[in-house]
Amino acid sequence: MPAVVADTHAIVWYLTNSPRLSPAAAQALDDASAAGDSILIPSISLVELTYLVEKGRVPAEARKRLVKHSPNRAVHTSWRLWTGA
């Protein structure tokens, strides 16, 4: 089962339907979501997203959607992907 890794900007832009997200990135996230594949998000992205919501730079709904769609944990961590651990 393939997975897609998204950084904070990509996931925020995806959750807010921002035109700043490239068509290729939007398609990769849409395809993963439709296929039920994992979208891996670094843990720090939840912290960054919370900060952006608190500062009024991102709608609170984006954070709510991220948490709502994360299975039994805040976010997936992609550390193992980067370190090979």
PDB file of N, CA and C in Angstrom:
ATOM      1  N   MET A   1       0.844  -1.164   0.000  1.00  0.00           N
ATOM      2  CA  MET A   1       0.000   0.000   0.000  1.00  0.00           C
ATOM      3  C   MET A   1       0.896   1.236   0.000  1.00  0.00           C
ATOM      4  N   PRO A   2       0.873   2.048  -1.060  1.00  0.00           N
ATOM      5  CA  PRO A   2       1.719   3.240  -1.129  1.00  0.00           C
ATOM      6  C   PRO A   2       1.229   4.313  -0.163  1.00  0.00           C
ATOM      7  N   ALA A   3       2.119   5.212   0.161  1.00  0.00           N
ATOM      8  CA  ALA A   3       1.775   6.323   1.049  1.00  0.00           C
ATOM      9  C   ALA A   3       2.289   7.617   0.440  1.00  0.00           C
ATOM     10  N   VAL A   4       1.664   8.714   0.825  1.00  0.00           N
ATOM     11  CA  VAL A   4       2.072  10.043   0.410  1.00  0.00           C
ATOM     12  C   VAL A   4       2.529  10.782   1.654  1.00  0.00           C
ATOM     13  N   VAL A   5       3.625  11.505   1.570  1.00  0.00           N
ATOM     14  CA  VAL A   5       4.108  12.321   2.679  1.00  0.00           C
ATOM     15  C   VAL A   5       3.795  13.777   2.359  1.00  0.00           C
ATOM     16  N   ALA A   6       3.176  14.466   3.327  1.00  0.00           N
ATOM     17  CA  ALA A   6       2.815  15.869   3.131  1.00  0.00           C
ATOM     18  C   ALA A   6       3.412  16.709   4.251  1.00  0.00           C
ATOM     19  N   ASP A   7       4.009  17.841   3.896  1.00  0.00           N
ATOM     20  CA  ASP A   7       4.513  18.745   4.920  1.00  0.00           C
ATOM     21  C   ASP A   7       3.383  19.671   5.374  1.00  0.00           C
ATOM     22  N   THR A   8       3.692  20.580   6.281  1.00  0.00           N
ATOM     23  CA  THR A   8       2.663  21.450   6.842  1.00  0.00           C
ATOM     24  C   THR A   8       1.971  22.283   5.776  1.00  0.00           C
ATOM     25  N   HIS A   9       2.739  22.918   4.902  1.00  0.00           N
ATOM     26  CA  HIS A   9       2.113  23.748   3.865  1.00  0.00           C
ATOM     27  C   HIS A   9       1.184  22.920   2.989  1.00  0.00           C
ATOM     28  N   ALA A  10       1.652  21.788   2.550  1.00  0.00           N
ATOM     29  CA  ALA A  10       0.838  20.969   1.652  1.00  0.00           C
ATOM     30  C   ALA A  10      -0.461  20.542   2.310  1.00  0.00           C
ATOM     31  N   ILE A  11      -0.399  20.098   3.559  1.00  0.00           N
ATOM     32  CA  ILE A  11      -1.619  19.623   4.200  1.00  0.00           C
ATOM     33  C   ILE A  11      -2.560  20.778   4.519  1.00  0.00           C
ATOM     34  N   VAL A  12      -2.025  21.931   4.914  1.00  0.00           N
ATOM     35  CA  VAL A  12      -2.879  23.101   5.163  1.00  0.00           C
ATOM     36  C   VAL A  12      -3.554  23.527   3.868  1.00  0.00           C
ATOM     37  N   TRP A  13      -2.799  23.628   2.796  1.00  0.00           N
ATOM     38  CA  TRP A  13      -3.371  24.050   1.526  1.00  0.00           C
ATOM     39  C   TRP A  13      -4.389  23.031   1.017  1.00  0.00           C
ATOM     40  N   TYR A  14      -4.126  21.761   1.253  1.00  0.00           N
ATOM     41  CA  TYR A  14      -5.067  20.720   0.840  1.00  0.00           C
ATOM     42  C   TYR A  14      -6.360  20.823   1.643  1.00  0.00           C
ATOM     43  N   LEU A  15      -6.250  20.966   2.956  1.00  0.00           N
ATOM     44  CA  LEU A  15      -7.439  21.012   3.813  1.00  0.00           C
ATOM     45  C   LEU A  15      -8.266  22.278   3.624  1.00  0.00           C
ATOM     46  N   THR A  16      -7.625  23.348   3.136  1.00  0.00           N
ATOM     47  CA  THR A  16      -8.341  24.607   2.922  1.00  0.00           C
ATOM     48  C   THR A  16      -8.650  24.849   1.444  1.00  0.00           C
ATOM     49  N   ASN A  17      -8.384  23.849   0.614  1.00  0.00           N
ATOM     50  CA  ASN A  17      -8.632  23.954  -0.833  1.00  0.00           C
ATOM     51  C   ASN A  17      -7.955  25.189  -1.438  1.00  0.00           C
ATOM     52  N   SER A  18      -6.742  25.436  -1.023  1.00  0.00           N
ATOM     53  CA  SER A  18      -6.005  26.611  -1.488  1.00  0.00           C
ATOM     54  C   SER A  18      -5.464  26.400  -2.901  1.00  0.00           C
ATOM     55  N   PRO A  19      -5.533  27.437  -3.723  1.00  0.00           N
ATOM     56  CA  PRO A  19      -4.942  27.356  -5.060  1.00  0.00           C
ATOM     57  C   PRO A  19      -3.414  27.344  -5.018  1.00  0.00           C
ATOM     58  N   ARG A  20      -2.840  27.558  -3.837  1.00  0.00           N
ATOM     59  CA  ARG A  20      -1.384  27.541  -3.708  1.00  0.00           C
ATOM     60  C   ARG A  20      -0.811  26.130  -3.816  1.00  0.00           C
ATOM     61  N   LEU A  21      -1.648  25.104  -3.574  1.00  0.00           N
ATOM     62  CA  LEU A  21      -1.204  23.719  -3.707  1.00  0.00           C
ATOM     63  C   LEU A  21      -1.124  23.371  -5.186  1.00  0.00           C
ATOM     64  N   SER A  22      -0.007  22.817  -5.602  1.00  0.00           N
ATOM     65  CA  SER A  22       0.157  22.492  -7.015  1.00  0.00           C
ATOM     66  C   SER A  22      -0.853  21.427  -7.432  1.00  0.00           C
ATOM     67  N   PRO A  23      -1.240  21.428  -8.714  1.00  0.00           N
ATOM     68  CA  PRO A  23      -2.162  20.409  -9.191  1.00  0.00           C
ATOM     69  C   PRO A  23      -1.628  18.988  -8.983  1.00  0.00           C
ATOM     70  N   ALA A  24      -0.323  18.795  -9.135  1.00  0.00           N
ATOM     71  CA  ALA A  24       0.260  17.461  -8.950  1.00  0.00           C
ATOM     72  C   ALA A  24       0.142  17.014  -7.501  1.00  0.00           C
ATOM     73  N   ALA A  25       0.409  17.921  -6.557  1.00  0.00           N
ATOM     74  CA  ALA A  25       0.297  17.570  -5.139  1.00  0.00           C
ATOM     75  C   ALA A  25      -1.153  17.300  -4.763  1.00  0.00           C
ATOM     76  N   ALA A  26      -2.067  18.141  -5.253  1.00  0.00           N
ATOM     77  CA  ALA A  26      -3.489  17.930  -4.975  1.00  0.00           C
ATOM     78  C   ALA A  26      -3.947  16.581  -5.513  1.00  0.00           C
ATOM     79  N   GLN A  27      -3.495  16.228  -6.696  1.00  0.00           N
ATOM     80  CA  GLN A  27      -3.880  14.949  -7.292  1.00  0.00           C
ATOM     81  C   GLN A  27      -3.327  13.778  -6.490  1.00  0.00           C
ATOM     82  N   ALA A  28      -2.077  13.878  -6.050  1.00  0.00           N
ATOM     83  CA  ALA A  28      -1.470  12.808  -5.244  1.00  0.00           C
ATOM     84  C   ALA A  28      -2.240  12.609  -3.941  1.00  0.00           C
ATOM     85  N   LEU A  29      -2.615  13.704  -3.289  1.00  0.00           N
ATOM     86  CA  LEU A  29      -3.373  13.610  -2.038  1.00  0.00           C
ATOM     87  C   LEU A  29      -4.784  13.090  -2.289  1.00  0.00           C
ATOM     88  N   ASP A  30      -5.420  13.568  -3.352  1.00  0.00           N
ATOM     89  CA  ASP A  30      -6.753  13.065  -3.710  1.00  0.00           C
ATOM     90  C   ASP A  30      -6.720  11.572  -4.011  1.00  0.00           C
ATOM     91  N   ASP A  31      -5.730  11.155  -4.783  1.00  0.00           N
ATOM     92  CA  ASP A  31      -5.616   9.734  -5.147  1.00  0.00           C
ATOM     93  C   ASP A  31      -5.387   8.858  -3.914  1.00  0.00           C
ATOM     94  N   ALA A  32      -4.504   9.302  -3.018  1.00  0.00           N
ATOM     95  CA  ALA A  32      -4.234   8.534  -1.800  1.00  0.00           C
ATOM     96  C   ALA A  32      -5.488   8.445  -0.941  1.00  0.00           C
ATOM     97  N   SER A  33      -6.179   9.556  -0.814  1.00  0.00           N
ATOM     98  CA  SER A  33      -7.395   9.579  -0.012  1.00  0.00           C
ATOM     99  C   SER A  33      -8.465   8.657  -0.608  1.00  0.00           C
ATOM    100  N   ALA A  34      -8.656   8.729  -1.913  1.00  0.00           N
ATOM    101  CA  ALA A  34      -9.669   7.909  -2.583  1.00  0.00           C
ATOM    102  C   ALA A  34      -9.347   6.418  -2.490  1.00  0.00           C
ATOM    103  N   ALA A  35      -8.059   6.095  -2.534  1.00  0.00           N
ATOM    104  CA  ALA A  35      -7.651   4.688  -2.502  1.00  0.00           C
ATOM    105  C   ALA A  35      -7.544   4.142  -1.073  1.00  0.00           C
ATOM    106  N   GLY A  36      -7.673   5.024  -0.088  1.00  0.00           N
ATOM    107  CA  GLY A  36      -7.519   4.581   1.290  1.00  0.00           C
ATOM    108  C   GLY A  36      -6.074   4.398   1.695  1.00  0.00           C
ATOM    109  N   ASP A  37      -5.160   4.955   0.913  1.00  0.00           N
ATOM    110  CA  ASP A  37      -3.737   4.880   1.234  1.00  0.00           C
ATOM    111  C   ASP A  37      -3.399   5.908   2.314  1.00  0.00           C
ATOM    112  N   SER A  38      -2.297   5.693   3.000  1.00  0.00           N
ATOM    113  CA  SER A  38      -1.881   6.604   4.065  1.00  0.00           C
ATOM    114  C   SER A  38      -1.365   7.916   3.502  1.00  0.00           C
ATOM    115  N   ILE A  39      -1.692   8.986   4.209  1.00  0.00           N
ATOM    116  CA  ILE A  39      -1.083  10.287   3.979  1.00  0.00           C
ATOM    117  C   ILE A  39      -0.290  10.558   5.250  1.00  0.00           C
ATOM    118  N   LEU A  40       1.019  10.477   5.141  1.00  0.00           N
ATOM    119  CA  LEU A  40       1.895  10.630   6.301  1.00  0.00           C
ATOM    120  C   LEU A  40       2.202  12.105   6.531  1.00  0.00           C
ATOM    121  N   ILE A  41       2.038  12.526   7.769  1.00  0.00           N
ATOM    122  CA  ILE A  41       2.233  13.919   8.135  1.00  0.00           C
ATOM    123  C   ILE A  41       3.161  13.965   9.341  1.00  0.00           C
ATOM    124  N   PRO A  42       4.262  14.707   9.270  1.00  0.00           N
ATOM    125  CA  PRO A  42       5.164  14.795  10.420  1.00  0.00           C
ATOM    126  C   PRO A  42       4.424  15.327  11.647  1.00  0.00           C
ATOM    127  N   SER A  43       4.755  14.806  12.800  1.00  0.00           N
ATOM    128  CA  SER A  43       4.105  15.224  14.050  1.00  0.00           C
ATOM    129  C   SER A  43       4.197  16.731  14.261  1.00  0.00           C
ATOM    130  N   ILE A  44       5.307  17.321  13.889  1.00  0.00           N
ATOM    131  CA  ILE A  44       5.490  18.755  14.094  1.00  0.00           C
ATOM    132  C   ILE A  44       4.457  19.557  13.307  1.00  0.00           C
ATOM    133  N   SER A  45       3.894  18.986  12.264  1.00  0.00           N
ATOM    134  CA  SER A  45       2.885  19.702  11.483  1.00  0.00           C
ATOM    135  C   SER A  45       1.652  20.021  12.310  1.00  0.00           C
ATOM    136  N   LEU A  46       1.279  19.141  13.234  1.00  0.00           N
ATOM    137  CA  LEU A  46       0.136  19.439  14.104  1.00  0.00           C
ATOM    138  C   LEU A  46       0.454  20.625  15.007  1.00  0.00           C
ATOM    139  N   VAL A  47       1.686  20.681  15.500  1.00  0.00           N
ATOM    140  CA  VAL A  47       2.106  21.810  16.330  1.00  0.00           C
ATOM    141  C   VAL A  47       2.084  23.092  15.500  1.00  0.00           C
ATOM    142  N   GLU A  48       2.647  23.028  14.297  1.00  0.00           N
ATOM    143  CA  GLU A  48       2.669  24.208  13.421  1.00  0.00           C
ATOM    144  C   GLU A  48       1.259  24.643  13.056  1.00  0.00           C
ATOM    145  N   LEU A  49       0.390  23.681  12.778  1.00  0.00           N
ATOM    146  CA  LEU A  49      -0.984  23.995  12.410  1.00  0.00           C
ATOM    147  C   LEU A  49      -1.722  24.646  13.579  1.00  0.00           C
ATOM    148  N   THR A  50      -1.498  24.140  14.782  1.00  0.00           N
ATOM    149  CA  THR A  50      -2.112  24.733  15.973  1.00  0.00           C
ATOM    150  C   THR A  50      -1.649  26.178  16.141  1.00  0.00           C
ATOM    151  N   TYR A  51      -0.355  26.416  15.946  1.00  0.00           N
ATOM    152  CA  TYR A  51       0.196  27.768  16.039  1.00  0.00           C
ATOM    153  C   TYR A  51      -0.447  28.684  14.995  1.00  0.00           C
ATOM    154  N   LEU A  52      -0.572  28.211  13.773  1.00  0.00           N
ATOM    155  CA  LEU A  52      -1.162  29.026  12.707  1.00  0.00           C
ATOM    156  C   LEU A  52      -2.622  29.352  12.995  1.00  0.00           C
ATOM    157  N   VAL A  53      -3.353  28.407  13.566  1.00  0.00           N
ATOM    158  CA  VAL A  53      -4.754  28.658  13.943  1.00  0.00           C
ATOM    159  C   VAL A  53      -4.811  29.711  15.045  1.00  0.00           C
ATOM    160  N   GLU A  54      -3.953  29.551  16.065  1.00  0.00           N
ATOM    161  CA  GLU A  54      -3.936  30.504  17.175  1.00  0.00           C
ATOM    162  C   GLU A  54      -3.598  31.919  16.712  1.00  0.00           C
ATOM    163  N   LYS A  55      -2.747  32.039  15.704  1.00  0.00           N
ATOM    164  CA  LYS A  55      -2.360  33.345  15.168  1.00  0.00           C
ATOM    165  C   LYS A  55      -3.378  33.884  14.159  1.00  0.00           C
ATOM    166  N   GLY A  56      -4.393  33.094  13.853  1.00  0.00           N
ATOM    167  CA  GLY A  56      -5.423  33.536  12.916  1.00  0.00           C
ATOM    168  C   GLY A  56      -5.010  33.461  11.457  1.00  0.00           C
ATOM    169  N   ARG A  57      -3.945  32.730  11.171  1.00  0.00           N
ATOM    170  CA  ARG A  57      -3.449  32.646   9.794  1.00  0.00           C
ATOM    171  C   ARG A  57      -4.086  31.505   9.008  1.00  0.00           C
ATOM    172  N   VAL A  58      -4.694  30.557   9.730  1.00  0.00           N
ATOM    173  CA  VAL A  58      -5.334  29.397   9.115  1.00  0.00           C
ATOM    174  C   VAL A  58      -6.664  29.190   9.839  1.00  0.00           C
ATOM    175  N   PRO A  59      -7.739  28.859   9.106  1.00  0.00           N
ATOM    176  CA  PRO A  59      -9.004  28.616   9.785  1.00  0.00           C
ATOM    177  C   PRO A  59      -8.928  27.396  10.706  1.00  0.00           C
ATOM    178  N   ALA A  60      -9.584  27.474  11.855  1.00  0.00           N
ATOM    179  CA  ALA A  60      -9.589  26.379  12.824  1.00  0.00           C
ATOM    180  C   ALA A  60     -10.126  25.094  12.208  1.00  0.00           C
ATOM    181  N   GLU A  61     -10.976  25.220  11.216  1.00  0.00           N
ATOM    182  CA  GLU A  61     -11.554  24.037  10.570  1.00  0.00           C
ATOM    183  C   GLU A  61     -10.477  23.142   9.953  1.00  0.00           C
ATOM    184  N   ALA A  62      -9.389  23.713   9.481  1.00  0.00           N
ATOM    185  CA  ALA A  62      -8.311  22.908   8.892  1.00  0.00           C
ATOM    186  C   ALA A  62      -7.710  21.970   9.932  1.00  0.00           C
ATOM    187  N   ARG A  63      -7.460  22.472  11.133  1.00  0.00           N
ATOM    188  CA  ARG A  63      -6.908  21.631  12.203  1.00  0.00           C
ATOM    189  C   ARG A  63      -7.923  20.577  12.626  1.00  0.00           C
ATOM    190  N   LYS A  64      -9.190  20.975  12.732  1.00  0.00           N
ATOM    191  CA  LYS A  64     -10.240  20.020  13.107  1.00  0.00           C
ATOM    192  C   LYS A  64     -10.326  18.878  12.100  1.00  0.00           C
ATOM    193  N   ARG A  65     -10.234  19.218  10.820  1.00  0.00           N
ATOM    194  CA  ARG A  65     -10.300  18.178   9.781  1.00  0.00           C
ATOM    195  C   ARG A  65      -9.117  17.231   9.864  1.00  0.00           C
ATOM    196  N   LEU A  66      -7.922  17.771  10.128  1.00  0.00           N
ATOM    197  CA  LEU A  66      -6.736  16.932  10.236  1.00  0.00           C
ATOM    198  C   LEU A  66      -6.875  15.949  11.398  1.00  0.00           C
ATOM    199  N   VAL A  67      -7.280  16.458  12.550  1.00  0.00           N
ATOM    200  CA  VAL A  67      -7.425  15.599  13.725  1.00  0.00           C
ATOM    201  C   VAL A  67      -8.544  14.588  13.516  1.00  0.00           C
ATOM    202  N   LYS A  68      -9.638  15.018  12.920  1.00  0.00           N
ATOM    203  CA  LYS A  68     -10.792  14.136  12.685  1.00  0.00           C
ATOM    204  C   LYS A  68     -10.424  12.941  11.812  1.00  0.00           C
ATOM    205  N   HIS A  69      -9.598  13.161  10.816  1.00  0.00           N
ATOM    206  CA  HIS A  69      -9.275  12.108   9.849  1.00  0.00           C
ATOM    207  C   HIS A  69      -8.018  11.321  10.196  1.00  0.00           C
ATOM    208  N   SER A  70      -7.430  11.591  11.343  1.00  0.00           N
ATOM    209  CA  SER A  70      -6.242  10.853  11.771  1.00  0.00           C
ATOM    210  C   SER A  70      -6.684   9.671  12.631  1.00  0.00           C
ATOM    211  N   PRO A  71      -6.314   8.460  12.257  1.00  0.00           N
ATOM    212  CA  PRO A  71      -6.805   7.279  12.958  1.00  0.00           C
ATOM    213  C   PRO A  71      -6.180   7.069  14.335  1.00  0.00           C
ATOM    214  N   ASN A  72      -6.947   7.290  15.378  1.00  0.00           N
ATOM    215  CA  ASN A  72      -6.564   6.987  16.761  1.00  0.00           C
ATOM    216  C   ASN A  72      -5.270   7.625  17.234  1.00  0.00           C
ATOM    217  N   ARG A  73      -4.809   8.643  16.580  1.00  0.00           N
ATOM    218  CA  ARG A  73      -3.621   9.366  17.028  1.00  0.00           C
ATOM    219  C   ARG A  73      -3.629  10.716  16.326  1.00  0.00           C
ATOM    220  N   ALA A  74      -2.892  11.648  16.863  1.00  0.00           N
ATOM    221  CA  ALA A  74      -2.933  13.010  16.323  1.00  0.00           C
ATOM    222  C   ALA A  74      -2.507  13.045  14.862  1.00  0.00           C
ATOM    223  N   VAL A  75      -1.342  12.497  14.564  1.00  0.00           N
ATOM    224  CA  VAL A  75      -0.849  12.467  13.190  1.00  0.00           C
ATOM    225  C   VAL A  75       0.096  11.285  13.038  1.00  0.00           C
ATOM    226  N   HIS A  76       0.302  10.883  11.809  1.00  0.00           N
ATOM    227  CA  HIS A  76       1.324   9.875  11.538  1.00  0.00           C
ATOM    228  C   HIS A  76       2.686  10.568  11.583  1.00  0.00           C
ATOM    229  N   THR A  77       3.690   9.870  12.012  1.00  0.00           N
ATOM    230  CA  THR A  77       5.022  10.456  11.915  1.00  0.00           C
ATOM    231  C   THR A  77       5.743   9.808  10.740  1.00  0.00           C
ATOM    232  N   SER A  78       6.522  10.583  10.082  1.00  0.00           N
ATOM    233  CA  SER A  78       7.250  10.066   8.927  1.00  0.00           C
ATOM    234  C   SER A  78       8.726   9.890   9.244  1.00  0.00           C
ATOM    235  N   TRP A  79       9.093   9.973  10.521  1.00  0.00           N
ATOM    236  CA  TRP A  79      10.498   9.883  10.903  1.00  0.00           C
ATOM    237  C   TRP A  79      11.148   8.637  10.330  1.00  0.00           C
ATOM    238  N   ARG A  80      10.462   7.485  10.409  1.00  0.00           N
ATOM    239  CA  ARG A  80      11.058   6.243   9.923  1.00  0.00           C
ATOM    240  C   ARG A  80      11.329   6.318   8.424  1.00  0.00           C
ATOM    241  N   LEU A  81      10.496   7.017   7.684  1.00  0.00           N
ATOM    242  CA  LEU A  81      10.736   7.142   6.245  1.00  0.00           C
ATOM    243  C   LEU A  81      12.041   7.865   5.964  1.00  0.00           C
ATOM    244  N   TRP A  82      12.309   8.902   6.742  1.00  0.00           N
ATOM    245  CA  TRP A  82      13.492   9.718   6.486  1.00  0.00           C
ATOM    246  C   TRP A  82      14.767   9.080   6.999  1.00  0.00           C
ATOM    247  N   THR A  83      14.687   8.331   8.103  1.00  0.00           N
ATOM    248  CA  THR A  83      15.881   7.789   8.700  1.00  0.00           C
ATOM    249  C   THR A  83      16.145   6.346   8.266  1.00  0.00           C
ATOM    250  N   GLY A  84      15.121   5.689   7.734  1.00  0.00           N
ATOM    251  CA  GLY A  84      15.253   4.295   7.368  1.00  0.00           C
ATOM    252  C   GLY A  84      15.210   3.379   8.578  1.00  0.00           C
ATOM    253  N   ALA A  85      14.863   3.932   9.753  1.00  0.00           N
ATOM    254  CA  ALA A  85      14.813   3.142  10.999  1.00  0.00           C
ATOM    255  C   ALA A  85      13.616   2.207  11.001  1.00  0.00           C
TER     256      ALA A  85
END
